[in-house]
Amino acid sequence: MGEDRYLLVANGTWPRDEIWQPLVTNAKRIIACDGAAMKCAEMGVKVDAIIGDMDSIDAAYLETLKKEQSTLLVPRTDQTTNDLVKAMYWAIEQGAEHLDLMAVEGGDSGHQFASMMALCEVPFQSQIHTNTSTVELLQNGVYTNASLPRGTVFSLFAIGEVKGVTIKGSEWDLSSVELLPSTRGLHNATASDTLEITWNSGTVLLFLNHRSLL
């Protein structure tokens, strides 16, 4: 890979092997959010750092990590942000150029939604990888992808007011429309070799289905 990609592993359900294994291979550093460290160990994934208040890690396992000193422990006890956001900020401080986030599914629905909102709280080059799609925050006004098979399903949701939205290369193109937080952008699909999305102001979340689902 041409950039320093950091993989952040939340303490949720892991996606399928064909999704998470390339993420591990391509990661320069792997960061576990608190209790996710034990799942990483179970799956044979060596983590470089563990971030959080360490309250979700088995005490005996934590003592083993302290003795081995092969994994950096980064205590973060601030309760105003979740462990995923803490890990995102720390990775950026370490020089990450791209963040891949996984294991955000399962468990409490509020936690799952908060993981999506983490992309808004920490605007950066980041993607969440779920079992069905990648989720990405778009905020520079232009998105172009010429590598998608025709029929790739995608959804585009406004975060606040988004003006001048134009979509080209889809089954349901748009031309300079205003989007507000709603279900309007749900379940579109590519209809040409290139998907192009432009907008004049605002921020959107793009959900892009995995090719394996086609």
Foldseek 3Di string as FASTA:
>chain_A
DPFAEEEEEEPADFADCVQVVVVLVPHPFYEYEQLVVVVCVVVVRDHQEYEEQNPNHDPVVVVVCVVVVRHHYHYDYDPPAGSRLVVVVVVVVVPGQEYEYGRQDDDDPVSSVVVLCSCVVDVHRYWYDHNWWIKHKDFPFKDKDQADDFFWWKFKFFDAKWFQKFKPQKPDTDGGHIHGGDRVRHIITGRDRMIMIGTDGGMMMMTTTDPVVD
